[in-house]
């Protein structure tokens, strides 16, 4: 029996300015295989935004039993918001973030592998040099490929964790820029034996002053996965998905507007085998 759980959230609240535009992309993917047993994978991924608030969270889990199974659940979300800030203003907001990861394998058999990964982050960029007539295209490209930006962030924060039942490279780590203030931080982890876990919680705030009128872009990311396998799968198994029970919730997405609250939720569950 193998089990992996990956949870992460990021809440940005009390934004000092209202978004001029905001857009999000929320994705979830699953794959499962079982021979003589069962494998279950599950994703629950949510993004919610309004004028001055962003929240995103996701749970991915994978479970398998018998000596021949594979399960993979993955989620990723990108949120891109743009602001116009007047000269002399201080741009500020509060944030909280938490990660919970767990892996477990059968201690008596020691034949399976379970891994869990999760990362959340936000970055603020000065995009004042982007012409107004091309700004929408720039933001759309950033939404589809957030790593494409060739700018150093004015502000950044990231929280990440990685667990692997068969490895020693387990970790929980965070990074931040100097204008991010941490007010509360909690960490608890166990990286030994057949059952491992990592939990962390961070609360903080951001303040950044602007002497001149500016256009800035906020990018928030949430990525993670849960994976189980017994034995270690061949490449063909990682791509194979068999019929089972599947549920997908309604989805919503809003582009280039901040009128009202937008929610994008994806729920997926697949069970294969017996």
C-alpha atoms as a PDB file:
ATOM      1  CA  UNK A   1       0.000   0.000   0.000  1.00  0.00           C
ATOM      2  CA  UNK A   2       1.277   3.468  -0.896  1.00  0.00           C
ATOM      3  CA  UNK A   3      -0.158   6.904  -0.148  1.00  0.00           C
ATOM      4  CA  UNK A   4       0.815  10.500  -0.960  1.00  0.00           C
ATOM      5  CA  UNK A   5      -0.865  13.788  -0.059  1.00  0.00           C
ATOM      6  CA  UNK A   6       0.035  17.309  -1.208  1.00  0.00           C
ATOM      7  CA  UNK A   7      -1.834  20.429  -0.026  1.00  0.00           C
ATOM      8  CA  UNK A   8      -0.986  24.112  -0.430  1.00  0.00           C
ATOM      9  CA  UNK A   9      -2.744  27.453  -0.147  1.00  0.00           C
ATOM     10  CA  UNK A  10      -2.039  31.141  -0.644  1.00  0.00           C
ATOM     11  CA  UNK A  11      -4.292  34.006   0.496  1.00  0.00           C
ATOM     12  CA  UNK A  12      -3.588  37.633  -0.468  1.00  0.00           C
ATOM     13  CA  UNK A  13      -5.912  40.059   1.341  1.00  0.00           C
ATOM     14  CA  UNK A  14      -6.387  43.787   1.978  1.00  0.00           C
ATOM     15  CA  UNK A  15      -4.692  44.776  -1.264  1.00  0.00           C
ATOM     16  CA  UNK A  16      -4.104  48.523  -1.083  1.00  0.00           C
ATOM     17  CA  UNK A  17      -5.187  49.056  -4.709  1.00  0.00           C
ATOM     18  CA  UNK A  18      -7.928  47.482  -6.795  1.00  0.00           C
ATOM     19  CA  UNK A  19      -6.897  45.367  -9.780  1.00  0.00           C
ATOM     20  CA  UNK A  20      -7.243  47.111 -13.119  1.00  0.00           C
ATOM     21  CA  UNK A  21      -7.338  43.635 -14.697  1.00  0.00           C
ATOM     22  CA  UNK A  22      -6.994  40.114 -13.329  1.00  0.00           C
ATOM     23  CA  UNK A  23      -6.964  36.694 -14.968  1.00  0.00           C
ATOM     24  CA  UNK A  24      -6.284  33.146 -13.832  1.00  0.00           C
ATOM     25  CA  UNK A  25      -5.541  29.699 -15.195  1.00  0.00           C
ATOM     26  CA  UNK A  26      -6.371  26.685 -13.013  1.00  0.00           C
ATOM     27  CA  UNK A  27      -5.437  23.166 -14.148  1.00  0.00           C
ATOM     28  CA  UNK A  28      -5.648  19.627 -12.760  1.00  0.00           C
ATOM     29  CA  UNK A  29      -4.399  16.355 -14.267  1.00  0.00           C
ATOM     30  CA  UNK A  30      -4.608  12.717 -13.181  1.00  0.00           C
ATOM     31  CA  UNK A  31      -3.308   9.335 -14.324  1.00  0.00           C
ATOM     32  CA  UNK A  32      -3.736   5.881 -12.769  1.00  0.00           C
ATOM     33  CA  UNK A  33      -2.994   2.202 -13.392  1.00  0.00           C
ATOM     34  CA  UNK A  34      -3.647  -0.931 -11.316  1.00  0.00           C
ATOM     35  CA  UNK A  35      -3.118  -4.650 -11.919  1.00  0.00           C
ATOM     36  CA  UNK A  36      -4.876  -6.942  -9.444  1.00  0.00           C
ATOM     37  CA  UNK A  37      -5.624  -4.112  -7.004  1.00  0.00           C
ATOM     38  CA  UNK A  38      -6.789  -0.513  -7.018  1.00  0.00           C
ATOM     39  CA  UNK A  39      -5.329   2.929  -7.506  1.00  0.00           C
ATOM     40  CA  UNK A  40      -7.164   6.158  -6.633  1.00  0.00           C
ATOM     41  CA  UNK A  41      -6.079   9.700  -7.503  1.00  0.00           C
ATOM     42  CA  UNK A  42      -7.822  12.917  -6.436  1.00  0.00           C
ATOM     43  CA  UNK A  43      -7.483  16.625  -7.164  1.00  0.00           C
ATOM     44  CA  UNK A  44      -9.337  19.599  -5.711  1.00  0.00           C
ATOM     45  CA  UNK A  45      -8.045  22.924  -7.077  1.00  0.00           C
ATOM     46  CA  UNK A  46      -9.598  26.342  -6.412  1.00  0.00           C
ATOM     47  CA  UNK A  47      -8.846  29.919  -7.461  1.00  0.00           C
ATOM     48  CA  UNK A  48     -10.971  32.863  -6.252  1.00  0.00           C
ATOM     49  CA  UNK A  49     -10.425  36.556  -6.973  1.00  0.00           C
ATOM     50  CA  UNK A  50     -12.131  39.904  -6.562  1.00  0.00           C
ATOM     51  CA  UNK A  51     -11.036  43.554  -6.671  1.00  0.00           C
ATOM     52  CA  UNK A  52      -8.696  43.415  -3.659  1.00  0.00           C
ATOM     53  CA  UNK A  53      -8.291  39.743  -2.757  1.00  0.00           C
ATOM     54  CA  UNK A  54      -6.826  36.541  -4.171  1.00  0.00           C
ATOM     55  CA  UNK A  55      -7.032  33.039  -2.775  1.00  0.00           C
ATOM     56  CA  UNK A  56      -5.930  29.733  -4.192  1.00  0.00           C
ATOM     57  CA  UNK A  57      -5.620  26.281  -2.669  1.00  0.00           C
ATOM     58  CA  UNK A  58      -5.307  22.702  -3.881  1.00  0.00           C
ATOM     59  CA  UNK A  59      -5.254  19.151  -2.563  1.00  0.00           C
ATOM     60  CA  UNK A  60      -3.744  16.307  -4.566  1.00  0.00           C
ATOM     61  CA  UNK A  61      -3.658  12.731  -3.292  1.00  0.00           C
ATOM     62  CA  UNK A  62      -2.800   9.288  -4.643  1.00  0.00           C
ATOM     63  CA  UNK A  63      -3.390   5.852  -3.135  1.00  0.00           C
ATOM     64  CA  UNK A  64      -2.523   2.388  -4.387  1.00  0.00           C
ATOM     65  CA  UNK A  65      -2.553  -1.196  -3.184  1.00  0.00           C
ATOM     66  CA  UNK A  66      -1.015  -4.458  -4.460  1.00  0.00           C
ATOM     67  CA  UNK A  67       2.447  -4.776  -5.938  1.00  0.00           C
ATOM     68  CA  UNK A  68       1.612  -3.324  -9.342  1.00  0.00           C
ATOM     69  CA  UNK A  69       0.006   0.109  -9.385  1.00  0.00           C
ATOM     70  CA  UNK A  70       0.649   3.717 -10.311  1.00  0.00           C
ATOM     71  CA  UNK A  71      -1.173   6.941  -9.449  1.00  0.00           C
ATOM     72  CA  UNK A  72      -0.406  10.549 -10.277  1.00  0.00           C
ATOM     73  CA  UNK A  73      -2.366  13.711  -9.384  1.00  0.00           C
ATOM     74  CA  UNK A  74      -1.129  17.177 -10.322  1.00  0.00           C
ATOM     75  CA  UNK A  75      -2.449  20.732 -10.086  1.00  0.00           C
ATOM     76  CA  UNK A  76      -1.078  24.103 -11.126  1.00  0.00           C
ATOM     77  CA  UNK A  77      -2.533  27.599 -11.133  1.00  0.00           C
ATOM     78  CA  UNK A  78      -1.360  30.994 -12.356  1.00  0.00           C
ATOM     79  CA  UNK A  79      -2.961  34.303 -11.369  1.00  0.00           C
ATOM     80  CA  UNK A  80      -1.907  37.534 -13.099  1.00  0.00           C
ATOM     81  CA  UNK A  81      -3.216  40.879 -11.819  1.00  0.00           C
ATOM     82  CA  UNK A  82      -2.314  44.370 -12.963  1.00  0.00           C
ATOM     83  CA  UNK A  83      -2.436  47.689 -11.046  1.00  0.00           C
ATOM     84  CA  UNK A  84      -1.993  51.377 -11.801  1.00  0.00           C
ATOM     85  CA  UNK A  85      -0.456  53.128  -8.781  1.00  0.00           C
ATOM     86  CA  UNK A  86      -0.327  56.905  -8.264  1.00  0.00           C
ATOM     87  CA  UNK A  87       2.886  58.739  -7.358  1.00  0.00           C
ATOM     88  CA  UNK A  88       3.624  58.832  -3.655  1.00  0.00           C
ATOM     89  CA  UNK A  89       1.421  55.816  -2.856  1.00  0.00           C
ATOM     90  CA  UNK A  90       2.403  52.822  -0.720  1.00  0.00           C
ATOM     91  CA  UNK A  91       1.219  49.521  -2.167  1.00  0.00           C
ATOM     92  CA  UNK A  92       0.541  46.956   0.552  1.00  0.00           C
ATOM     93  CA  UNK A  93      -1.273  43.698   1.296  1.00  0.00           C
ATOM     94  CA  UNK A  94      -1.384  40.874   3.835  1.00  0.00           C
ATOM     95  CA  UNK A  95      -0.823  37.201   3.075  1.00  0.00           C
ATOM     96  CA  UNK A  96      -1.038  33.760   4.635  1.00  0.00           C
ATOM     97  CA  UNK A  97       0.214  30.488   3.225  1.00  0.00           C
ATOM     98  CA  UNK A  98       0.293  26.862   4.360  1.00  0.00           C
ATOM     99  CA  UNK A  99       1.616  23.544   3.080  1.00  0.00           C
ATOM    100  CA  UNK A 100       0.801  20.005   4.261  1.00  0.00           C
ATOM    101  CA  UNK A 101       2.504  16.974   2.708  1.00  0.00           C
ATOM    102  CA  UNK A 102       2.509  13.294   3.618  1.00  0.00           C
ATOM    103  CA  UNK A 103       3.907  10.073   2.178  1.00  0.00           C
ATOM    104  CA  UNK A 104       3.444   6.518   3.399  1.00  0.00           C
ATOM    105  CA  UNK A 105       4.502   3.059   2.217  1.00  0.00           C
ATOM    106  CA  UNK A 106       4.017  -0.414   3.686  1.00  0.00           C
ATOM    107  CA  UNK A 107       6.772  -0.747   6.273  1.00  0.00           C
ATOM    108  CA  UNK A 108       6.826  -4.561   6.046  1.00  0.00           C
ATOM    109  CA  UNK A 109       7.076  -4.729   2.242  1.00  0.00           C
ATOM    110  CA  UNK A 110       9.265  -1.696   1.402  1.00  0.00           C
ATOM    111  CA  UNK A 111       8.417  -2.139  -2.272  1.00  0.00           C
ATOM    112  CA  UNK A 112       6.539   1.029  -3.200  1.00  0.00           C
ATOM    113  CA  UNK A 113       7.391   4.649  -3.622  1.00  0.00           C
ATOM    114  CA  UNK A 114       5.376   7.735  -2.701  1.00  0.00           C
ATOM    115  CA  UNK A 115       6.250  11.373  -3.290  1.00  0.00           C
ATOM    116  CA  UNK A 116       4.588  14.742  -2.719  1.00  0.00           C
ATOM    117  CA  UNK A 117       5.583  18.199  -3.942  1.00  0.00           C
ATOM    118  CA  UNK A 118       4.000  21.601  -3.350  1.00  0.00           C
ATOM    119  CA  UNK A 119       5.012  25.202  -4.027  1.00  0.00           C
ATOM    120  CA  UNK A 120       3.211  28.533  -3.686  1.00  0.00           C
ATOM    121  CA  UNK A 121       4.640  31.957  -4.476  1.00  0.00           C
ATOM    122  CA  UNK A 122       3.902  35.546  -5.405  1.00  0.00           C
ATOM    123  CA  UNK A 123       5.995  38.170  -7.195  1.00  0.00           C
ATOM    124  CA  UNK A 124       5.413  41.841  -7.963  1.00  0.00           C
ATOM    125  CA  UNK A 125       6.983  43.372 -11.100  1.00  0.00           C
ATOM    126  CA  UNK A 126       7.316  46.928 -12.365  1.00  0.00           C
ATOM    127  CA  UNK A 127       5.694  46.900 -15.816  1.00  0.00           C
ATOM    128  CA  UNK A 128       5.603  50.673 -16.332  1.00  0.00           C
ATOM    129  CA  UNK A 129       7.793  50.302 -19.422  1.00  0.00           C
ATOM    130  CA  UNK A 130       5.224  48.145 -21.233  1.00  0.00           C
ATOM    131  CA  UNK A 131       3.242  50.314 -23.704  1.00  0.00           C
ATOM    132  CA  UNK A 132      -0.474  50.493 -22.902  1.00  0.00           C
ATOM    133  CA  UNK A 133      -1.404  49.216 -26.362  1.00  0.00           C
ATOM    134  CA  UNK A 134       0.619  45.991 -25.824  1.00  0.00           C
ATOM    135  CA  UNK A 135       0.031  45.520 -22.091  1.00  0.00           C
ATOM    136  CA  UNK A 136      -2.916  43.130 -22.530  1.00  0.00           C
ATOM    137  CA  UNK A 137      -0.863  40.878 -24.829  1.00  0.00           C
ATOM    138  CA  UNK A 138       2.030  40.961 -22.364  1.00  0.00           C
ATOM    139  CA  UNK A 139      -0.256  39.898 -19.496  1.00  0.00           C
ATOM    140  CA  UNK A 140      -1.859  37.139 -21.580  1.00  0.00           C
ATOM    141  CA  UNK A 141       1.574  35.736 -22.431  1.00  0.00           C
ATOM    142  CA  UNK A 142       2.589  35.924 -18.787  1.00  0.00           C
ATOM    143  CA  UNK A 143      -0.513  33.935 -17.815  1.00  0.00           C
ATOM    144  CA  UNK A 144       0.337  31.132 -20.227  1.00  0.00           C
ATOM    145  CA  UNK A 145       4.065  31.162 -19.405  1.00  0.00           C
ATOM    146  CA  UNK A 146       4.837  32.870 -16.069  1.00  0.00           C
ATOM    147  CA  UNK A 147       8.516  31.921 -16.323  1.00  0.00           C
ATOM    148  CA  UNK A 148       8.891  33.966 -19.494  1.00  0.00           C
ATOM    149  CA  UNK A 149       9.189  37.333 -17.739  1.00  0.00           C
ATOM    150  CA  UNK A 150      12.647  38.855 -18.080  1.00  0.00           C
ATOM    151  CA  UNK A 151      12.441  41.203 -15.091  1.00  0.00           C
ATOM    152  CA  UNK A 152      13.672  41.100 -11.515  1.00  0.00           C
ATOM    153  CA  UNK A 153      10.784  41.249  -9.040  1.00  0.00           C
ATOM    154  CA  UNK A 154      10.244  44.237  -6.780  1.00  0.00           C
ATOM    155  CA  UNK A 155       8.773  41.880  -4.180  1.00  0.00           C
ATOM    156  CA  UNK A 156       8.727  38.091  -3.918  1.00  0.00           C
ATOM    157  CA  UNK A 157       7.832  35.283  -1.538  1.00  0.00           C
ATOM    158  CA  UNK A 158       7.863  31.513  -2.033  1.00  0.00           C
ATOM    159  CA  UNK A 159       7.103  28.494   0.121  1.00  0.00           C
ATOM    160  CA  UNK A 160       7.931  24.971  -1.070  1.00  0.00           C
ATOM    161  CA  UNK A 161       8.240  21.400   0.207  1.00  0.00           C
ATOM    162  CA  UNK A 162       9.252  18.031  -1.219  1.00  0.00           C
ATOM    163  CA  UNK A 163       8.790  14.550   0.280  1.00  0.00           C
ATOM    164  CA  UNK A 164       9.952  11.232  -1.144  1.00  0.00           C
ATOM    165  CA  UNK A 165       9.513   7.953   0.727  1.00  0.00           C
ATOM    166  CA  UNK A 166      12.646   6.413  -0.797  1.00  0.00           C
ATOM    167  CA  UNK A 167      14.986   9.424  -0.700  1.00  0.00           C
ATOM    168  CA  UNK A 168      16.828  11.666   1.723  1.00  0.00           C
ATOM    169  CA  UNK A 169      16.275  14.932  -0.163  1.00  0.00           C
ATOM    170  CA  UNK A 170      13.145  15.915   1.789  1.00  0.00           C
ATOM    171  CA  UNK A 171      12.779  19.601   2.640  1.00  0.00           C
ATOM    172  CA  UNK A 172      10.580  22.566   3.527  1.00  0.00           C
ATOM    173  CA  UNK A 173      11.912  25.991   2.621  1.00  0.00           C
ATOM    174  CA  UNK A 174      10.852  29.598   2.104  1.00  0.00           C
ATOM    175  CA  UNK A 175      12.374  32.660   0.434  1.00  0.00           C
ATOM    176  CA  UNK A 176      11.426  36.327   0.494  1.00  0.00           C
ATOM    177  CA  UNK A 177      12.564  39.794  -0.490  1.00  0.00           C
ATOM    178  CA  UNK A 178      13.452  42.467   2.060  1.00  0.00           C
ATOM    179  CA  UNK A 179      10.103  44.282   1.784  1.00  0.00           C
ATOM    180  CA  UNK A 180       8.202  41.175   2.927  1.00  0.00           C
ATOM    181  CA  UNK A 181       7.626  41.033   6.690  1.00  0.00           C
ATOM    182  CA  UNK A 182       6.901  37.684   8.377  1.00  0.00           C
ATOM    183  CA  UNK A 183       4.778  37.976  11.543  1.00  0.00           C
ATOM    184  CA  UNK A 184       4.015  34.278  12.205  1.00  0.00           C
ATOM    185  CA  UNK A 185       5.810  31.122  11.117  1.00  0.00           C
ATOM    186  CA  UNK A 186       5.241  27.482  12.112  1.00  0.00           C
ATOM    187  CA  UNK A 187       7.032  24.335  10.923  1.00  0.00           C
ATOM    188  CA  UNK A 188       6.661  20.662  11.820  1.00  0.00           C
ATOM    189  CA  UNK A 189       8.165  17.744   9.937  1.00  0.00           C
ATOM    190  CA  UNK A 190       9.278  14.121  10.130  1.00  0.00           C
ATOM    191  CA  UNK A 191      11.603  12.850   7.407  1.00  0.00           C
ATOM    192  CA  UNK A 192      12.470   9.348   8.641  1.00  0.00           C
ATOM    193  CA  UNK A 193      10.948   5.873   8.240  1.00  0.00           C
ATOM    194  CA  UNK A 194       8.076   4.658   6.092  1.00  0.00           C
ATOM    195  CA  UNK A 195       5.766   7.538   7.032  1.00  0.00           C
ATOM    196  CA  UNK A 196       6.903  11.110   6.432  1.00  0.00           C
ATOM    197  CA  UNK A 197       5.181  14.463   6.753  1.00  0.00           C
ATOM    198  CA  UNK A 198       5.865  18.182   6.510  1.00  0.00           C
ATOM    199  CA  UNK A 199       3.625  21.059   7.614  1.00  0.00           C
ATOM    200  CA  UNK A 200       4.295  24.781   7.532  1.00  0.00           C
ATOM    201  CA  UNK A 201       2.303  27.981   7.984  1.00  0.00           C
ATOM    202  CA  UNK A 202       3.398  31.565   7.291  1.00  0.00           C
ATOM    203  CA  UNK A 203       1.609  34.883   7.873  1.00  0.00           C
ATOM    204  CA  UNK A 204       3.049  38.198   6.756  1.00  0.00           C
ATOM    205  CA  UNK A 205       2.641  41.495   4.948  1.00  0.00           C
ATOM    206  CA  UNK A 206       4.076  43.482   2.033  1.00  0.00           C
ATOM    207  CA  UNK A 207       4.742  47.215   1.752  1.00  0.00           C
ATOM    208  CA  UNK A 208       6.338  48.927  -1.238  1.00  0.00           C
ATOM    209  CA  UNK A 209       6.394  52.685  -1.846  1.00  0.00           C
ATOM    210  CA  UNK A 210       6.323  54.328  -5.300  1.00  0.00           C
ATOM    211  CA  UNK A 211       7.726  57.827  -5.787  1.00  0.00           C
ATOM    212  CA  UNK A 212       6.454  58.004  -9.368  1.00  0.00           C
ATOM    213  CA  UNK A 213       3.287  56.831 -11.054  1.00  0.00           C
ATOM    214  CA  UNK A 214       3.692  53.153 -11.892  1.00  0.00           C
ATOM    215  CA  UNK A 215       2.103  50.136 -13.474  1.00  0.00           C
ATOM    216  CA  UNK A 216       2.823  46.906 -11.606  1.00  0.00           C
ATOM    217  CA  UNK A 217       1.910  43.282 -12.184  1.00  0.00           C
ATOM    218  CA  UNK A 218       1.322  40.650  -9.517  1.00  0.00           C
ATOM    219  CA  UNK A 219       1.947  36.988 -10.377  1.00  0.00           C
ATOM    220  CA  UNK A 220       0.792  34.278  -7.948  1.00  0.00           C
ATOM    221  CA  UNK A 221       1.621  30.616  -8.563  1.00  0.00           C
ATOM    222  CA  UNK A 222       0.495  27.330  -7.041  1.00  0.00           C
ATOM    223  CA  UNK A 223       2.049  24.046  -8.184  1.00  0.00           C
ATOM    224  CA  UNK A 224       2.104  20.540  -6.786  1.00  0.00           C
ATOM    225  CA  UNK A 225       1.657  16.826  -7.223  1.00  0.00           C
ATOM    226  CA  UNK A 226       1.161  13.507  -5.429  1.00  0.00           C
ATOM    227  CA  UNK A 227       2.552  10.286  -6.897  1.00  0.00           C
ATOM    228  CA  UNK A 228       2.541   6.612  -5.858  1.00  0.00           C
ATOM    229  CA  UNK A 229       4.041   3.583  -7.588  1.00  0.00           C
ATOM    230  CA  UNK A 230       4.739  -0.072  -6.882  1.00  0.00           C
ATOM    231  CA  UNK A 231       7.157  -1.030  -8.249  1.00  0.00           C
ATOM    232  CA  UNK A 232       8.830   1.981  -9.851  1.00  0.00           C
ATOM    233  CA  UNK A 233       6.902   2.321 -13.145  1.00  0.00           C
ATOM    234  CA  UNK A 234       8.235   2.136 -16.664  1.00  0.00           C
ATOM    235  CA  UNK A 235       7.628   5.217 -18.859  1.00  0.00           C
ATOM    236  CA  UNK A 236       4.655   3.484 -20.514  1.00  0.00           C
ATOM    237  CA  UNK A 237       2.864   3.126 -17.180  1.00  0.00           C
ATOM    238  CA  UNK A 238       3.164   6.798 -16.340  1.00  0.00           C
ATOM    239  CA  UNK A 239       1.111   7.679 -19.400  1.00  0.00           C
ATOM    240  CA  UNK A 240      -1.598   5.029 -19.048  1.00  0.00           C
ATOM    241  CA  UNK A 241      -5.005   5.795 -17.589  1.00  0.00           C
ATOM    242  CA  UNK A 242      -7.752   3.203 -17.225  1.00  0.00           C
ATOM    243  CA  UNK A 243     -11.523   3.747 -16.951  1.00  0.00           C
ATOM    244  CA  UNK A 244     -12.881   4.213 -13.471  1.00  0.00           C
ATOM    245  CA  UNK A 245     -14.995   6.728 -11.575  1.00  0.00           C
ATOM    246  CA  UNK A 246     -14.453  10.297 -12.703  1.00  0.00           C
ATOM    247  CA  UNK A 247     -15.996  13.527 -11.475  1.00  0.00           C
ATOM    248  CA  UNK A 248     -15.267  17.020 -12.774  1.00  0.00           C
ATOM    249  CA  UNK A 249     -16.901  20.055 -11.174  1.00  0.00           C
ATOM    250  CA  UNK A 250     -18.045  23.138 -13.025  1.00  0.00           C
ATOM    251  CA  UNK A 251     -15.353  25.626 -13.969  1.00  0.00           C
ATOM    252  CA  UNK A 252     -15.359  29.378 -14.389  1.00  0.00           C
ATOM    253  CA  UNK A 253     -12.813  31.893 -15.625  1.00  0.00           C
ATOM    254  CA  UNK A 254     -12.865  35.653 -15.931  1.00  0.00           C
ATOM    255  CA  UNK A 255     -10.555  37.710 -18.133  1.00  0.00           C
ATOM    256  CA  UNK A 256      -9.669  41.366 -17.870  1.00  0.00           C
ATOM    257  CA  UNK A 257     -12.300  42.459 -15.379  1.00  0.00           C
ATOM    258  CA  UNK A 258     -12.745  42.874 -11.629  1.00  0.00           C
ATOM    259  CA  UNK A 259     -16.507  43.264 -11.419  1.00  0.00           C
ATOM    260  CA  UNK A 260     -17.735  40.857  -8.748  1.00  0.00           C
ATOM    261  CA  UNK A 261     -16.078  37.745  -7.412  1.00  0.00           C
ATOM    262  CA  UNK A 262     -14.770  34.973  -9.660  1.00  0.00           C
ATOM    263  CA  UNK A 263     -14.335  31.335  -8.645  1.00  0.00           C
ATOM    264  CA  UNK A 264     -12.616  28.621 -10.683  1.00  0.00           C
ATOM    265  CA  UNK A 265     -12.855  25.162  -9.101  1.00  0.00           C
ATOM    266  CA  UNK A 266     -11.781  21.793 -10.466  1.00  0.00           C
ATOM    267  CA  UNK A 267     -12.473  18.508  -8.689  1.00  0.00           C
ATOM    268  CA  UNK A 268     -11.277  15.249 -10.210  1.00  0.00           C
ATOM    269  CA  UNK A 269     -11.311  11.721  -8.803  1.00  0.00           C
ATOM    270  CA  UNK A 270     -10.299   8.552 -10.643  1.00  0.00           C
ATOM    271  CA  UNK A 271     -10.332   4.982  -9.314  1.00  0.00           C
ATOM    272  CA  UNK A 272      -9.052   2.089 -11.437  1.00  0.00           C
ATOM    273  CA  UNK A 273      -8.695  -1.636 -10.854  1.00  0.00           C
ATOM    274  CA  UNK A 274     -11.002  -3.734  -8.694  1.00  0.00           C
END
